[in-house]
Amino acid sequence: MKMADTVVVSIAYTMRHKKYGKILKRTTKLSAHNELPGLSVGDVVEITQTRPYSKSVYFKVEKKS
């Protein structure tokens, strides 16, 4: 939230270890372009892949869920 038009979105998922079978929690952080007013930390959003806005921003916030 410290950037002007960019937000960092965290995607959490679970996966199974190939050898041992243990279920692991993983997260991925993606930078997304934001044009929606009133977003704050902890909001759940939907993102889609778009054209590159900058070196690290390839996604756009579509709507707040």
PDB file of N, CA and C in Angstrom:
ATOM      1  N   MET A   1       0.814  -1.198   0.000  1.00  0.00           N
ATOM      2  CA  MET A   1       0.000   0.000   0.000  1.00  0.00           C
ATOM      3  C   MET A   1       0.860   1.265   0.000  1.00  0.00           C
ATOM      4  N   LYS A   2       2.164   1.154   0.043  1.00  0.00           N
ATOM      5  CA  LYS A   2       3.005   2.345   0.075  1.00  0.00           C
ATOM      6  C   LYS A   2       3.285   2.887  -1.320  1.00  0.00           C
ATOM      7  N   MET A   3       2.945   2.128  -2.365  1.00  0.00           N
ATOM      8  CA  MET A   3       3.168   2.573  -3.730  1.00  0.00           C
ATOM      9  C   MET A   3       1.922   3.288  -4.237  1.00  0.00           C
ATOM     10  N   ALA A   4       2.084   4.130  -5.243  1.00  0.00           N
ATOM     11  CA  ALA A   4       0.982   4.968  -5.709  1.00  0.00           C
ATOM     12  C   ALA A   4      -0.148   4.158  -6.350  1.00  0.00           C
ATOM     13  N   ASP A   5       0.143   3.391  -7.380  1.00  0.00           N
ATOM     14  CA  ASP A   5      -0.896   2.655  -8.099  1.00  0.00           C
ATOM     15  C   ASP A   5      -0.656   1.155  -8.086  1.00  0.00           C
ATOM     16  N   THR A   6       0.190   0.657  -7.218  1.00  0.00           N
ATOM     17  CA  THR A   6       0.544  -0.756  -7.194  1.00  0.00           C
ATOM     18  C   THR A   6       0.287  -1.333  -5.812  1.00  0.00           C
ATOM     19  N   VAL A   7      -0.256  -2.550  -5.789  1.00  0.00           N
ATOM     20  CA  VAL A   7      -0.459  -3.274  -4.536  1.00  0.00           C
ATOM     21  C   VAL A   7       0.245  -4.621  -4.649  1.00  0.00           C
ATOM     22  N   VAL A   8       0.645  -5.168  -3.519  1.00  0.00           N
ATOM     23  CA  VAL A   8       1.255  -6.489  -3.479  1.00  0.00           C
ATOM     24  C   VAL A   8       0.190  -7.469  -2.999  1.00  0.00           C
ATOM     25  N   VAL A   9      -0.077  -8.479  -3.827  1.00  0.00           N
ATOM     26  CA  VAL A   9      -1.119  -9.462  -3.545  1.00  0.00           C
ATOM     27  C   VAL A   9      -0.436 -10.763  -3.148  1.00  0.00           C
ATOM     28  N   SER A  10      -0.856 -11.351  -2.047  1.00  0.00           N
ATOM     29  CA  SER A  10      -0.302 -12.612  -1.574  1.00  0.00           C
ATOM     30  C   SER A  10      -1.278 -13.731  -1.899  1.00  0.00           C
ATOM     31  N   ILE A  11      -0.783 -14.772  -2.577  1.00  0.00           N
ATOM     32  CA  ILE A  11      -1.601 -15.915  -2.948  1.00  0.00           C
ATOM     33  C   ILE A  11      -1.130 -17.106  -2.127  1.00  0.00           C
ATOM     34  N   ALA A  12      -2.006 -17.645  -1.290  1.00  0.00           N
ATOM     35  CA  ALA A  12      -1.668 -18.782  -0.435  1.00  0.00           C
ATOM     36  C   ALA A  12      -2.253 -20.054  -1.037  1.00  0.00           C
ATOM     37  N   TYR A  13      -1.470 -21.130  -1.033  1.00  0.00           N
ATOM     38  CA  TYR A  13      -1.939 -22.410  -1.542  1.00  0.00           C
ATOM     39  C   TYR A  13      -1.248 -23.533  -0.787  1.00  0.00           C
ATOM     40  N   THR A  14      -1.767 -24.751  -0.921  1.00  0.00           N
ATOM     41  CA  THR A  14      -1.151 -25.913  -0.294  1.00  0.00           C
ATOM     42  C   THR A  14      -0.652 -26.853  -1.380  1.00  0.00           C
ATOM     43  N   MET A  15       0.417 -27.578  -1.065  1.00  0.00           N
ATOM     44  CA  MET A  15       0.966 -28.551  -2.004  1.00  0.00           C
ATOM     45  C   MET A  15       1.427 -29.771  -1.232  1.00  0.00           C
ATOM     46  N   ARG A  16       1.543 -30.867  -1.911  1.00  0.00           N
ATOM     47  CA  ARG A  16       2.012 -32.097  -1.292  1.00  0.00           C
ATOM     48  C   ARG A  16       3.466 -32.332  -1.693  1.00  0.00           C
ATOM     49  N   HIS A  17       4.308 -32.670  -0.722  1.00  0.00           N
ATOM     50  CA  HIS A  17       5.715 -32.951  -0.981  1.00  0.00           C
ATOM     51  C   HIS A  17       5.818 -34.210  -1.843  1.00  0.00           C
ATOM     52  N   LYS A  18       6.678 -34.167  -2.858  1.00  0.00           N
ATOM     53  CA  LYS A  18       6.760 -35.283  -3.803  1.00  0.00           C
ATOM     54  C   LYS A  18       7.206 -36.582  -3.138  1.00  0.00           C
ATOM     55  N   LYS A  19       8.225 -36.502  -2.307  1.00  0.00           N
ATOM     56  CA  LYS A  19       8.798 -37.719  -1.734  1.00  0.00           C
ATOM     57  C   LYS A  19       8.092 -38.153  -0.452  1.00  0.00           C
ATOM     58  N   TYR A  20       7.840 -37.218   0.451  1.00  0.00           N
ATOM     59  CA  TYR A  20       7.349 -37.574   1.779  1.00  0.00           C
ATOM     60  C   TYR A  20       5.831 -37.475   1.933  1.00  0.00           C
ATOM     61  N   GLY A  21       5.156 -36.800   1.016  1.00  0.00           N
ATOM     62  CA  GLY A  21       3.710 -36.734   1.058  1.00  0.00           C
ATOM     63  C   GLY A  21       3.125 -35.744   2.046  1.00  0.00           C
ATOM     64  N   LYS A  22       3.963 -34.999   2.749  1.00  0.00           N
ATOM     65  CA  LYS A  22       3.469 -34.027   3.720  1.00  0.00           C
ATOM     66  C   LYS A  22       2.842 -32.840   2.992  1.00  0.00           C
ATOM     67  N   ILE A  23       1.755 -32.314   3.550  1.00  0.00           N
ATOM     68  CA  ILE A  23       1.090 -31.154   2.969  1.00  0.00           C
ATOM     69  C   ILE A  23       1.780 -29.900   3.487  1.00  0.00           C
ATOM     70  N   LEU A  24       2.201 -29.038   2.555  1.00  0.00           N
ATOM     71  CA  LEU A  24       2.948 -27.822   2.882  1.00  0.00           C
ATOM     72  C   LEU A  24       2.144 -26.597   2.475  1.00  0.00           C
ATOM     73  N   LYS A  25       2.266 -25.513   3.253  1.00  0.00           N
ATOM     74  CA  LYS A  25       1.652 -24.235   2.911  1.00  0.00           C
ATOM     75  C   LYS A  25       2.684 -23.386   2.195  1.00  0.00           C
ATOM     76  N   ARG A  26       2.299 -22.786   1.093  1.00  0.00           N
ATOM     77  CA  ARG A  26       3.177 -21.922   0.319  1.00  0.00           C
ATOM     78  C   ARG A  26       2.447 -20.622   0.007  1.00  0.00           C
ATOM     79  N   THR A  27       3.195 -19.536  -0.165  1.00  0.00           N
ATOM     80  CA  THR A  27       2.625 -18.261  -0.580  1.00  0.00           C
ATOM     81  C   THR A  27       3.448 -17.700  -1.726  1.00  0.00           C
ATOM     82  N   THR A  28       2.787 -16.955  -2.582  1.00  0.00           N
ATOM     83  CA  THR A  28       3.425 -16.262  -3.690  1.00  0.00           C
ATOM     84  C   THR A  28       2.992 -14.807  -3.624  1.00  0.00           C
ATOM     85  N   LYS A  29       3.926 -13.888  -3.787  1.00  0.00           N
ATOM     86  CA  LYS A  29       3.607 -12.466  -3.792  1.00  0.00           C
ATOM     87  C   LYS A  29       3.688 -11.945  -5.218  1.00  0.00           C
ATOM     88  N   LEU A  30       2.638 -11.264  -5.663  1.00  0.00           N
ATOM     89  CA  LEU A  30       2.586 -10.672  -6.989  1.00  0.00           C
ATOM     90  C   LEU A  30       2.279  -9.187  -6.862  1.00  0.00           C
ATOM     91  N   SER A  31       2.894  -8.380  -7.705  1.00  0.00           N
ATOM     92  CA  SER A  31       2.585  -6.956  -7.756  1.00  0.00           C
ATOM     93  C   SER A  31       1.494  -6.749  -8.784  1.00  0.00           C
ATOM     94  N   ALA A  32       0.484  -5.961  -8.442  1.00  0.00           N
ATOM     95  CA  ALA A  32      -0.652  -5.726  -9.330  1.00  0.00           C
ATOM     96  C   ALA A  32      -0.970  -4.241  -9.392  1.00  0.00           C
ATOM     97  N   HIS A  33      -1.354  -3.788 -10.585  1.00  0.00           N
ATOM     98  CA  HIS A  33      -1.762  -2.396 -10.790  1.00  0.00           C
ATOM     99  C   HIS A  33      -3.154  -2.201 -10.203  1.00  0.00           C
ATOM    100  N   ASN A  34      -3.351  -1.098  -9.478  1.00  0.00           N
ATOM    101  CA  ASN A  34      -4.616  -0.851  -8.790  1.00  0.00           C
ATOM    102  C   ASN A  34      -5.193   0.484  -9.223  1.00  0.00           C
ATOM    103  N   GLU A  35      -6.446   0.460  -9.703  1.00  0.00           N
ATOM    104  CA  GLU A  35      -7.168   1.693 -10.016  1.00  0.00           C
ATOM    105  C   GLU A  35      -8.412   1.842  -9.158  1.00  0.00           C
ATOM    106  N   LEU A  36      -8.665   0.879  -8.265  1.00  0.00           N
ATOM    107  CA  LEU A  36      -9.842   0.928  -7.410  1.00  0.00           C
ATOM    108  C   LEU A  36      -9.595   1.815  -6.198  1.00  0.00           C
ATOM    109  N   PRO A  37     -10.549   2.675  -5.846  1.00  0.00           N
ATOM    110  CA  PRO A  37     -10.382   3.491  -4.644  1.00  0.00           C
ATOM    111  C   PRO A  37     -10.754   2.695  -3.396  1.00  0.00           C
ATOM    112  N   GLY A  38     -10.110   2.992  -2.310  1.00  0.00           N
ATOM    113  CA  GLY A  38     -10.513   2.439  -1.026  1.00  0.00           C
ATOM    114  C   GLY A  38     -10.010   1.056  -0.698  1.00  0.00           C
ATOM    115  N   LEU A  39      -8.969   0.584  -1.339  1.00  0.00           N
ATOM    116  CA  LEU A  39      -8.396  -0.710  -0.955  1.00  0.00           C
ATOM    117  C   LEU A  39      -7.517  -0.530   0.267  1.00  0.00           C
ATOM    118  N   SER A  40      -7.555  -1.510   1.171  1.00  0.00           N
ATOM    119  CA  SER A  40      -6.701  -1.455   2.347  1.00  0.00           C
ATOM    120  C   SER A  40      -6.090  -2.829   2.583  1.00  0.00           C
ATOM    121  N   VAL A  41      -5.204  -2.914   3.544  1.00  0.00           N
ATOM    122  CA  VAL A  41      -4.510  -4.158   3.857  1.00  0.00           C
ATOM    123  C   VAL A  41      -5.520  -5.185   4.356  1.00  0.00           C
ATOM    124  N   GLY A  42      -5.447  -6.398   3.815  1.00  0.00           N
ATOM    125  CA  GLY A  42      -6.329  -7.469   4.233  1.00  0.00           C
ATOM    126  C   GLY A  42      -7.535  -7.673   3.343  1.00  0.00           C
ATOM    127  N   ASP A  43      -7.756  -6.808   2.362  1.00  0.00           N
ATOM    128  CA  ASP A  43      -8.875  -6.976   1.448  1.00  0.00           C
ATOM    129  C   ASP A  43      -8.613  -8.141   0.498  1.00  0.00           C
ATOM    130  N   VAL A  44      -9.676  -8.852   0.138  1.00  0.00           N
ATOM    131  CA  VAL A  44      -9.579  -9.948  -0.819  1.00  0.00           C
ATOM    132  C   VAL A  44      -9.938  -9.393  -2.189  1.00  0.00           C
ATOM    133  N   VAL A  45      -9.043  -9.583  -3.178  1.00  0.00           N
ATOM    134  CA  VAL A  45      -9.253  -9.034  -4.508  1.00  0.00           C
ATOM    135  C   VAL A  45      -9.079 -10.119  -5.558  1.00  0.00           C
ATOM    136  N   GLU A  46      -9.599  -9.836  -6.754  1.00  0.00           N
ATOM    137  CA  GLU A  46      -9.385 -10.701  -7.908  1.00  0.00           C
ATOM    138  C   GLU A  46      -8.453  -9.976  -8.862  1.00  0.00           C
ATOM    139  N   ILE A  47      -7.451 -10.711  -9.386  1.00  0.00           N
ATOM    140  CA  ILE A  47      -6.487 -10.120 -10.305  1.00  0.00           C
ATOM    141  C   ILE A  47      -6.496 -10.889 -11.618  1.00  0.00           C
ATOM    142  N   THR A  48      -6.125 -10.207 -12.702  1.00  0.00           N
ATOM    143  CA  THR A  48      -5.988 -10.837 -14.002  1.00  0.00           C
ATOM    144  C   THR A  48      -4.670 -10.420 -14.614  1.00  0.00           C
ATOM    145  N   GLN A  49      -4.152 -11.252 -15.489  1.00  0.00           N
ATOM    146  CA  GLN A  49      -2.892 -10.952 -16.156  1.00  0.00           C
ATOM    147  C   GLN A  49      -3.151  -9.986 -17.305  1.00  0.00           C
ATOM    148  N   THR A  50      -2.307  -8.950 -17.408  1.00  0.00           N
ATOM    149  CA  THR A  50      -2.471  -7.936 -18.447  1.00  0.00           C
ATOM    150  C   THR A  50      -1.114  -7.613 -19.047  1.00  0.00           C
ATOM    151  N   ARG A  51      -1.074  -6.540 -19.785  1.00  0.00           N
ATOM    152  CA  ARG A  51       0.181  -6.071 -20.366  1.00  0.00           C
ATOM    153  C   ARG A  51       1.130  -5.639 -19.252  1.00  0.00           C
ATOM    154  N   PRO A  52       2.418  -5.570 -19.515  1.00  0.00           N
ATOM    155  CA  PRO A  52       3.345  -5.107 -18.477  1.00  0.00           C
ATOM    156  C   PRO A  52       3.171  -3.612 -18.190  1.00  0.00           C
ATOM    157  N   TYR A  53       2.916  -3.285 -16.938  1.00  0.00           N
ATOM    158  CA  TYR A  53       2.850  -1.890 -16.516  1.00  0.00           C
ATOM    159  C   TYR A  53       4.230  -1.369 -16.153  1.00  0.00           C
ATOM    160  N   SER A  54       5.091  -2.259 -15.656  1.00  0.00           N
ATOM    161  CA  SER A  54       6.462  -1.902 -15.316  1.00  0.00           C
ATOM    162  C   SER A  54       7.284  -3.184 -15.320  1.00  0.00           C
ATOM    163  N   LYS A  55       8.488  -3.114 -14.784  1.00  0.00           N
ATOM    164  CA  LYS A  55       9.382  -4.272 -14.779  1.00  0.00           C
ATOM    165  C   LYS A  55       8.797  -5.453 -14.015  1.00  0.00           C
ATOM    166  N   SER A  56       8.095  -5.205 -12.932  1.00  0.00           N
ATOM    167  CA  SER A  56       7.604  -6.303 -12.092  1.00  0.00           C
ATOM    168  C   SER A  56       6.080  -6.379 -11.991  1.00  0.00           C
ATOM    169  N   VAL A  57       5.352  -5.530 -12.694  1.00  0.00           N
ATOM    170  CA  VAL A  57       3.892  -5.496 -12.579  1.00  0.00           C
ATOM    171  C   VAL A  57       3.268  -6.013 -13.874  1.00  0.00           C
ATOM    172  N   TYR A  58       2.674  -7.218 -13.811  1.00  0.00           N
ATOM    173  CA  TYR A  58       2.040  -7.847 -14.966  1.00  0.00           C
ATOM    174  C   TYR A  58       0.579  -8.201 -14.698  1.00  0.00           C
ATOM    175  N   PHE A  59       0.031  -7.753 -13.586  1.00  0.00           N
ATOM    176  CA  PHE A  59      -1.335  -8.087 -13.210  1.00  0.00           C
ATOM    177  C   PHE A  59      -2.106  -6.815 -12.901  1.00  0.00           C
ATOM    178  N   LYS A  60      -3.430  -6.909 -12.936  1.00  0.00           N
ATOM    179  CA  LYS A  60      -4.302  -5.779 -12.648  1.00  0.00           C
ATOM    180  C   LYS A  60      -5.387  -6.230 -11.685  1.00  0.00           C
ATOM    181  N   VAL A  61      -5.723  -5.400 -10.727  1.00  0.00           N
ATOM    182  CA  VAL A  61      -6.807  -5.700  -9.784  1.00  0.00           C
ATOM    183  C   VAL A  61      -8.121  -5.458 -10.507  1.00  0.00           C
ATOM    184  N   GLU A  62      -8.932  -6.514 -10.632  1.00  0.00           N
ATOM    185  CA  GLU A  62     -10.208  -6.400 -11.340  1.00  0.00           C
ATOM    186  C   GLU A  62     -11.316  -5.923 -10.413  1.00  0.00           C
ATOM    187  N   LYS A  63     -11.483  -6.592  -9.273  1.00  0.00           N
ATOM    188  CA  LYS A  63     -12.538  -6.182  -8.356  1.00  0.00           C
ATOM    189  C   LYS A  63     -12.212  -6.640  -6.949  1.00  0.00           C
ATOM    190  N   LYS A  64     -12.872  -6.002  -6.012  1.00  0.00           N
ATOM    191  CA  LYS A  64     -12.744  -6.334  -4.607  1.00  0.00           C
ATOM    192  C   LYS A  64     -13.833  -7.340  -4.266  1.00  0.00           C
ATOM    193  N   SER A  65     -13.440  -8.483  -3.706  1.00  0.00           N
ATOM    194  CA  SER A  65     -14.425  -9.526  -3.396  1.00  0.00           C
ATOM    195  C   SER A  65     -14.979  -9.378  -2.003  1.00  0.00           C
TER     196      SER A  65
END
